[in-house]
C-alpha cells in the first residue's frame, strides 16, 4: 500500500519521492534563494535520491557540477547583471543575457552569460548563476558597450556582436536561437546586416552567417 508519509513510494521498479519529500525539498531550496549545492541540500535534509529525482524530472536545473536551481524561478533581471559586473569586473555580458538586455528575440535567461579570457579563473559565484564562455583577442575586445544600470557601468556586447556570437556558439546554445537573434535584430532595426557581417568576420563565422542573411533579403 502506498503512503505519502514515507520518503519514497515505489511504482514498479522506479522509486518516486513522496509529495511531502518534494514539497519539503522545494521549500529548502526557496529558503536558500532557489540555488543550492549538493552538500548544502543534503545537510539541510534533502535525500540524494530526492535531489536527483527532482533534477531528472525537470524540477531542478543543473547550473554546474553539484549546483542546482529551482526550474520555476523567474528569469534573471538587470539587477543580476549589476551583481555579476561587480563581482566579476572583467566579464562582458554576452549571448542569451545580452539578447535579453537588448530585447532581441524571445529567449529567457536563467543564468547570466558572461565572456572571459581563456585563462581567467572560473568565477566562484553561486547567485546569480553563471554561464561562462571563453573568448580571446578581438572576439573579446570588439563590440563591447558600456551601459549604466542602477548607477553602475556594465559591459555588454552590442546587438551585432551578440548575433555573431550566437552563431559562433551555436553548438552550445542552438542554431534556432542564433537564427531567431538574426531575424529579430534585423526586423527591429537594432542593427544592420553590414554590422553583423563585421563581427562575423571577427568571430570567423562569415561563411556560416552569409547564407542566412542572403535568405532574409
C-alpha atoms as a PDB file:
ATOM      1  CA  UNK A   1       0.000   0.000   0.000  1.00  0.00           C
ATOM      2  CA  UNK A   2       1.425   3.366  -0.994  1.00  0.00           C
ATOM      3  CA  UNK A   3       1.764   6.084   1.590  1.00  0.00           C
ATOM      4  CA  UNK A   4       2.811   9.672   1.050  1.00  0.00           C
ATOM      5  CA  UNK A   5       4.240   9.788   4.556  1.00  0.00           C
ATOM      6  CA  UNK A   6       7.201   7.725   3.516  1.00  0.00           C
ATOM      7  CA  UNK A   7      10.160   9.330   1.798  1.00  0.00           C
ATOM      8  CA  UNK A   8       9.570   7.233  -1.329  1.00  0.00           C
ATOM      9  CA  UNK A   9       6.797   5.298  -2.966  1.00  0.00           C
ATOM     10  CA  UNK A  10       7.582   2.500  -5.399  1.00  0.00           C
ATOM     11  CA  UNK A  11       5.962   2.315  -8.823  1.00  0.00           C
ATOM     12  CA  UNK A  12       7.167  -0.875 -10.489  1.00  0.00           C
ATOM     13  CA  UNK A  13      10.963  -0.635 -10.364  1.00  0.00           C
ATOM     14  CA  UNK A  14      11.021   3.170 -10.050  1.00  0.00           C
ATOM     15  CA  UNK A  15      11.358   4.836  -6.658  1.00  0.00           C
ATOM     16  CA  UNK A  16       9.496   8.141  -6.597  1.00  0.00           C
ATOM     17  CA  UNK A  17       9.760  10.723  -3.800  1.00  0.00           C
ATOM     18  CA  UNK A  18       6.605  11.356  -1.825  1.00  0.00           C
ATOM     19  CA  UNK A  19       4.731  14.633  -2.196  1.00  0.00           C
ATOM     20  CA  UNK A  20       5.899  15.645   1.252  1.00  0.00           C
ATOM     21  CA  UNK A  21       9.546  14.959   0.380  1.00  0.00           C
ATOM     22  CA  UNK A  22       9.310  17.017  -2.836  1.00  0.00           C
ATOM     23  CA  UNK A  23       7.480  19.875  -1.137  1.00  0.00           C
ATOM     24  CA  UNK A  24       9.977  19.912   1.728  1.00  0.00           C
ATOM     25  CA  UNK A  25      12.936  19.910  -0.672  1.00  0.00           C
ATOM     26  CA  UNK A  26      11.373  22.736  -2.683  1.00  0.00           C
ATOM     27  CA  UNK A  27      10.899  24.816   0.472  1.00  0.00           C
ATOM     28  CA  UNK A  28      14.520  24.195   1.457  1.00  0.00           C
ATOM     29  CA  UNK A  29      15.661  25.428  -1.959  1.00  0.00           C
ATOM     30  CA  UNK A  30      13.474  28.542  -1.727  1.00  0.00           C
ATOM     31  CA  UNK A  31      14.866  29.319   1.715  1.00  0.00           C
ATOM     32  CA  UNK A  32      18.326  29.159   0.158  1.00  0.00           C
ATOM     33  CA  UNK A  33      17.431  31.619  -2.563  1.00  0.00           C
ATOM     34  CA  UNK A  34      16.476  28.916  -5.049  1.00  0.00           C
ATOM     35  CA  UNK A  35      20.048  27.699  -5.566  1.00  0.00           C
ATOM     36  CA  UNK A  36      21.927  25.079  -3.557  1.00  0.00           C
ATOM     37  CA  UNK A  37      24.960  22.861  -3.847  1.00  0.00           C
ATOM     38  CA  UNK A  38      24.512  19.147  -3.289  1.00  0.00           C
ATOM     39  CA  UNK A  39      26.319  19.258   0.048  1.00  0.00           C
ATOM     40  CA  UNK A  40      24.165  22.119   1.339  1.00  0.00           C
ATOM     41  CA  UNK A  41      20.967  20.438   0.149  1.00  0.00           C
ATOM     42  CA  UNK A  42      21.836  17.164   1.876  1.00  0.00           C
ATOM     43  CA  UNK A  43      22.912  18.954   5.061  1.00  0.00           C
ATOM     44  CA  UNK A  44      19.553  20.754   5.078  1.00  0.00           C
ATOM     45  CA  UNK A  45      17.722  17.424   4.974  1.00  0.00           C
ATOM     46  CA  UNK A  46      17.170  16.584   1.297  1.00  0.00           C
ATOM     47  CA  UNK A  47      17.988  12.989   0.471  1.00  0.00           C
ATOM     48  CA  UNK A  48      20.231  12.315  -2.508  1.00  0.00           C
ATOM     49  CA  UNK A  49      17.512  10.277  -4.211  1.00  0.00           C
ATOM     50  CA  UNK A  50      15.003  13.124  -3.892  1.00  0.00           C
ATOM     51  CA  UNK A  51      17.510  15.623  -5.236  1.00  0.00           C
ATOM     52  CA  UNK A  52      18.378  13.519  -8.277  1.00  0.00           C
ATOM     53  CA  UNK A  53      14.739  12.641  -8.972  1.00  0.00           C
ATOM     54  CA  UNK A  54      13.852  16.351  -8.976  1.00  0.00           C
ATOM     55  CA  UNK A  55      16.752  17.003 -11.339  1.00  0.00           C
ATOM     56  CA  UNK A  56      15.827  14.192 -13.711  1.00  0.00           C
ATOM     57  CA  UNK A  57      12.168  15.254 -13.786  1.00  0.00           C
ATOM     58  CA  UNK A  58      12.726  18.929 -14.539  1.00  0.00           C
ATOM     59  CA  UNK A  59      12.042  20.411 -11.104  1.00  0.00           C
ATOM     60  CA  UNK A  60      15.685  21.400 -10.781  1.00  0.00           C
ATOM     61  CA  UNK A  61      18.125  22.608 -13.422  1.00  0.00           C
ATOM     62  CA  UNK A  62      21.844  21.898 -13.221  1.00  0.00           C
ATOM     63  CA  UNK A  63      23.957  25.058 -13.215  1.00  0.00           C
ATOM     64  CA  UNK A  64      27.283  23.352 -12.770  1.00  0.00           C
ATOM     65  CA  UNK A  65      28.871  20.389 -11.069  1.00  0.00           C
ATOM     66  CA  UNK A  66      26.861  19.808  -7.905  1.00  0.00           C
ATOM     67  CA  UNK A  67      24.955  23.100  -8.222  1.00  0.00           C
ATOM     68  CA  UNK A  68      21.182  23.161  -8.718  1.00  0.00           C
ATOM     69  CA  UNK A  69      18.481  25.812  -9.168  1.00  0.00           C
ATOM     70  CA  UNK A  70      14.700  25.567  -8.960  1.00  0.00           C
ATOM     71  CA  UNK A  71      13.444  25.411 -12.529  1.00  0.00           C
ATOM     72  CA  UNK A  72      10.344  27.533 -11.871  1.00  0.00           C
ATOM     73  CA  UNK A  73      12.222  30.600 -10.660  1.00  0.00           C
ATOM     74  CA  UNK A  74      11.561  33.760 -12.674  1.00  0.00           C
ATOM     75  CA  UNK A  75      14.007  34.944 -15.306  1.00  0.00           C
ATOM     76  CA  UNK A  76      17.026  36.865 -14.118  1.00  0.00           C
ATOM     77  CA  UNK A  77      16.799  40.666 -14.023  1.00  0.00           C
ATOM     78  CA  UNK A  78      19.080  43.564 -14.949  1.00  0.00           C
ATOM     79  CA  UNK A  79      19.993  43.754 -11.264  1.00  0.00           C
ATOM     80  CA  UNK A  80      21.642  40.345 -11.669  1.00  0.00           C
ATOM     81  CA  UNK A  81      23.812  41.833 -14.412  1.00  0.00           C
ATOM     82  CA  UNK A  82      24.883  44.545 -11.974  1.00  0.00           C
ATOM     83  CA  UNK A  83      25.719  41.945  -9.335  1.00  0.00           C
ATOM     84  CA  UNK A  84      27.825  39.911 -11.748  1.00  0.00           C
ATOM     85  CA  UNK A  85      29.572  43.022 -13.063  1.00  0.00           C
ATOM     86  CA  UNK A  86      30.520  43.994  -9.520  1.00  0.00           C
ATOM     87  CA  UNK A  87      31.784  40.529  -8.578  1.00  0.00           C
ATOM     88  CA  UNK A  88      33.440  39.696 -11.924  1.00  0.00           C
ATOM     89  CA  UNK A  89      34.508  43.124 -13.286  1.00  0.00           C
ATOM     90  CA  UNK A  90      36.457  41.665 -16.226  1.00  0.00           C
ATOM     91  CA  UNK A  91      33.365  39.864 -17.546  1.00  0.00           C
ATOM     92  CA  UNK A  92      31.346  41.002 -20.568  1.00  0.00           C
ATOM     93  CA  UNK A  93      27.644  40.136 -20.636  1.00  0.00           C
ATOM     94  CA  UNK A  94      27.047  38.031 -23.744  1.00  0.00           C
ATOM     95  CA  UNK A  95      24.778  35.702 -25.727  1.00  0.00           C
ATOM     96  CA  UNK A  96      21.362  34.951 -24.135  1.00  0.00           C
ATOM     97  CA  UNK A  97      21.800  37.571 -21.410  1.00  0.00           C
ATOM     98  CA  UNK A  98      22.840  40.205 -23.943  1.00  0.00           C
ATOM     99  CA  UNK A  99      19.904  39.324 -26.224  1.00  0.00           C
ATOM    100  CA  UNK A 100      17.530  39.713 -23.287  1.00  0.00           C
ATOM    101  CA  UNK A 101      19.046  43.051 -22.263  1.00  0.00           C
ATOM    102  CA  UNK A 102      18.694  44.387 -25.803  1.00  0.00           C
ATOM    103  CA  UNK A 103      15.146  42.964 -26.069  1.00  0.00           C
ATOM    104  CA  UNK A 104      16.031  40.862 -29.103  1.00  0.00           C
ATOM    105  CA  UNK A 105      14.173  37.579 -29.514  1.00  0.00           C
ATOM    106  CA  UNK A 106      12.202  35.505 -27.033  1.00  0.00           C
ATOM    107  CA  UNK A 107      14.935  33.707 -25.094  1.00  0.00           C
ATOM    108  CA  UNK A 108      14.586  33.895 -21.299  1.00  0.00           C
ATOM    109  CA  UNK A 109      17.909  33.749 -19.452  1.00  0.00           C
ATOM    110  CA  UNK A 110      18.070  31.631 -16.320  1.00  0.00           C
ATOM    111  CA  UNK A 111      21.799  32.225 -15.949  1.00  0.00           C
ATOM    112  CA  UNK A 112      23.934  35.272 -16.589  1.00  0.00           C
ATOM    113  CA  UNK A 113      26.042  34.537 -19.671  1.00  0.00           C
ATOM    114  CA  UNK A 114      29.478  36.133 -19.498  1.00  0.00           C
ATOM    115  CA  UNK A 115      32.581  36.156 -21.689  1.00  0.00           C
ATOM    116  CA  UNK A 116      36.010  35.751 -20.106  1.00  0.00           C
ATOM    117  CA  UNK A 117      39.548  35.230 -21.418  1.00  0.00           C
ATOM    118  CA  UNK A 118      40.615  31.583 -21.863  1.00  0.00           C
ATOM    119  CA  UNK A 119      42.969  31.581 -18.868  1.00  0.00           C
ATOM    120  CA  UNK A 120      40.825  33.609 -16.472  1.00  0.00           C
ATOM    121  CA  UNK A 121      39.824  31.889 -13.228  1.00  0.00           C
ATOM    122  CA  UNK A 122      36.357  30.342 -13.119  1.00  0.00           C
ATOM    123  CA  UNK A 123      34.251  32.791 -11.067  1.00  0.00           C
ATOM    124  CA  UNK A 124      33.056  31.453  -7.711  1.00  0.00           C
ATOM    125  CA  UNK A 125      29.589  32.975  -7.869  1.00  0.00           C
ATOM    126  CA  UNK A 126      26.551  30.863  -6.947  1.00  0.00           C
ATOM    127  CA  UNK A 127      23.893  33.550  -7.080  1.00  0.00           C
ATOM    128  CA  UNK A 128      23.030  34.656  -9.661  1.00  0.00           C
ATOM    129  CA  UNK A 129      24.077  31.531 -11.563  1.00  0.00           C
ATOM    130  CA  UNK A 130      26.614  31.997 -14.351  1.00  0.00           C
ATOM    131  CA  UNK A 131      27.305  30.502 -17.761  1.00  0.00           C
ATOM    132  CA  UNK A 132      30.895  31.221 -18.782  1.00  0.00           C
ATOM    133  CA  UNK A 133      32.039  31.404 -22.409  1.00  0.00           C
ATOM    134  CA  UNK A 134      35.693  31.757 -23.317  1.00  0.00           C
ATOM    135  CA  UNK A 135      36.767  34.371 -25.867  1.00  0.00           C
ATOM    136  CA  UNK A 136      40.068  35.957 -26.772  1.00  0.00           C
ATOM    137  CA  UNK A 137      41.619  38.728 -28.864  1.00  0.00           C
ATOM    138  CA  UNK A 138      39.227  40.830 -30.928  1.00  0.00           C
ATOM    139  CA  UNK A 139      36.381  38.426 -30.162  1.00  0.00           C
ATOM    140  CA  UNK A 140      36.543  39.619 -26.550  1.00  0.00           C
ATOM    141  CA  UNK A 141      37.603  43.228 -27.122  1.00  0.00           C
ATOM    142  CA  UNK A 142      35.376  44.279 -30.040  1.00  0.00           C
ATOM    143  CA  UNK A 143      31.716  45.229 -29.789  1.00  0.00           C
ATOM    144  CA  UNK A 144      31.747  45.973 -26.061  1.00  0.00           C
ATOM    145  CA  UNK A 145      29.289  48.646 -24.937  1.00  0.00           C
ATOM    146  CA  UNK A 146      29.079  50.335 -21.546  1.00  0.00           C
ATOM    147  CA  UNK A 147      25.557  50.539 -20.140  1.00  0.00           C
ATOM    148  CA  UNK A 148      24.645  52.242 -16.874  1.00  0.00           C
ATOM    149  CA  UNK A 149      22.339  50.092 -14.751  1.00  0.00           C
ATOM    150  CA  UNK A 150      21.485  51.291 -11.250  1.00  0.00           C
ATOM    151  CA  UNK A 151      24.320  53.818 -11.439  1.00  0.00           C
ATOM    152  CA  UNK A 152      26.890  51.163 -12.265  1.00  0.00           C
ATOM    153  CA  UNK A 153      28.602  50.654 -15.621  1.00  0.00           C
ATOM    154  CA  UNK A 154      28.086  47.176 -17.032  1.00  0.00           C
ATOM    155  CA  UNK A 155      29.954  45.796 -20.044  1.00  0.00           C
ATOM    156  CA  UNK A 156      27.583  44.226 -22.570  1.00  0.00           C
ATOM    157  CA  UNK A 157      28.226  43.128 -26.139  1.00  0.00           C
ATOM    158  CA  UNK A 158      26.356  45.107 -28.817  1.00  0.00           C
ATOM    159  CA  UNK A 159      23.441  43.604 -30.724  1.00  0.00           C
ATOM    160  CA  UNK A 160      25.520  42.962 -33.850  1.00  0.00           C
ATOM    161  CA  UNK A 161      28.346  41.329 -31.891  1.00  0.00           C
ATOM    162  CA  UNK A 162      25.867  39.229 -29.926  1.00  0.00           C
ATOM    163  CA  UNK A 163      24.225  37.928 -33.098  1.00  0.00           C
ATOM    164  CA  UNK A 164      27.627  36.907 -34.452  1.00  0.00           C
ATOM    165  CA  UNK A 165      28.464  35.267 -31.108  1.00  0.00           C
ATOM    166  CA  UNK A 166      25.236  33.275 -31.264  1.00  0.00           C
ATOM    167  CA  UNK A 167      26.441  31.695 -34.495  1.00  0.00           C
ATOM    168  CA  UNK A 168      29.927  31.180 -33.080  1.00  0.00           C
ATOM    169  CA  UNK A 169      28.473  29.291 -30.101  1.00  0.00           C
ATOM    170  CA  UNK A 170      25.548  27.755 -31.984  1.00  0.00           C
ATOM    171  CA  UNK A 171      26.531  24.246 -30.908  1.00  0.00           C
ATOM    172  CA  UNK A 172      26.092  25.276 -27.277  1.00  0.00           C
ATOM    173  CA  UNK A 173      23.002  27.498 -27.427  1.00  0.00           C
ATOM    174  CA  UNK A 174      21.303  26.047 -30.515  1.00  0.00           C
ATOM    175  CA  UNK A 175      21.160  27.155 -34.141  1.00  0.00           C
ATOM    176  CA  UNK A 176      17.485  28.046 -33.675  1.00  0.00           C
ATOM    177  CA  UNK A 177      18.480  30.662 -31.092  1.00  0.00           C
ATOM    178  CA  UNK A 178      21.067  32.130 -33.462  1.00  0.00           C
ATOM    179  CA  UNK A 179      18.585  32.298 -36.334  1.00  0.00           C
ATOM    180  CA  UNK A 180      15.939  33.969 -34.188  1.00  0.00           C
ATOM    181  CA  UNK A 181      18.516  36.503 -32.963  1.00  0.00           C
ATOM    182  CA  UNK A 182      19.498  37.293 -36.549  1.00  0.00           C
ATOM    183  CA  UNK A 183      15.926  37.687 -37.754  1.00  0.00           C
ATOM    184  CA  UNK A 184      14.732  39.746 -34.788  1.00  0.00           C
ATOM    185  CA  UNK A 185      17.790  42.016 -34.716  1.00  0.00           C
ATOM    186  CA  UNK A 186      17.238  42.935 -38.369  1.00  0.00           C
ATOM    187  CA  UNK A 187      13.459  43.151 -38.097  1.00  0.00           C
ATOM    188  CA  UNK A 188      13.650  45.541 -35.141  1.00  0.00           C
ATOM    189  CA  UNK A 189      16.403  47.526 -36.870  1.00  0.00           C
ATOM    190  CA  UNK A 190      18.596  47.234 -33.793  1.00  0.00           C
ATOM    191  CA  UNK A 191      21.498  46.618 -36.158  1.00  0.00           C
ATOM    192  CA  UNK A 192      22.280  46.136 -39.843  1.00  0.00           C
ATOM    193  CA  UNK A 193      23.461  43.271 -41.999  1.00  0.00           C
ATOM    194  CA  UNK A 194      26.759  45.105 -42.565  1.00  0.00           C
ATOM    195  CA  UNK A 195      27.391  45.434 -38.822  1.00  0.00           C
ATOM    196  CA  UNK A 196      26.601  41.783 -38.233  1.00  0.00           C
ATOM    197  CA  UNK A 197      28.983  40.732 -41.014  1.00  0.00           C
ATOM    198  CA  UNK A 198      31.689  42.931 -39.493  1.00  0.00           C
ATOM    199  CA  UNK A 199      31.535  40.933 -36.287  1.00  0.00           C
ATOM    200  CA  UNK A 200      31.004  37.668 -38.132  1.00  0.00           C
ATOM    201  CA  UNK A 201      34.459  38.248 -39.563  1.00  0.00           C
ATOM    202  CA  UNK A 202      35.823  38.858 -36.062  1.00  0.00           C
ATOM    203  CA  UNK A 203      34.230  35.611 -34.871  1.00  0.00           C
ATOM    204  CA  UNK A 204      35.234  33.755 -38.052  1.00  0.00           C
ATOM    205  CA  UNK A 205      31.678  32.718 -38.874  1.00  0.00           C
ATOM    206  CA  UNK A 206      31.228  34.736 -42.073  1.00  0.00           C
ATOM    207  CA  UNK A 207      30.583  31.680 -44.253  1.00  0.00           C
ATOM    208  CA  UNK A 208      28.022  30.388 -41.783  1.00  0.00           C
ATOM    209  CA  UNK A 209      26.011  33.605 -41.427  1.00  0.00           C
ATOM    210  CA  UNK A 210      26.104  34.828 -45.049  1.00  0.00           C
ATOM    211  CA  UNK A 211      23.606  32.267 -46.495  1.00  0.00           C
ATOM    212  CA  UNK A 212      21.067  33.093 -43.789  1.00  0.00           C
ATOM    213  CA  UNK A 213      21.492  36.826 -44.336  1.00  0.00           C
ATOM    214  CA  UNK A 214      21.027  36.401 -48.082  1.00  0.00           C
ATOM    215  CA  UNK A 215      17.867  34.386 -47.482  1.00  0.00           C
ATOM    216  CA  UNK A 216      16.417  37.251 -45.443  1.00  0.00           C
ATOM    217  CA  UNK A 217      16.945  39.811 -48.207  1.00  0.00           C
END
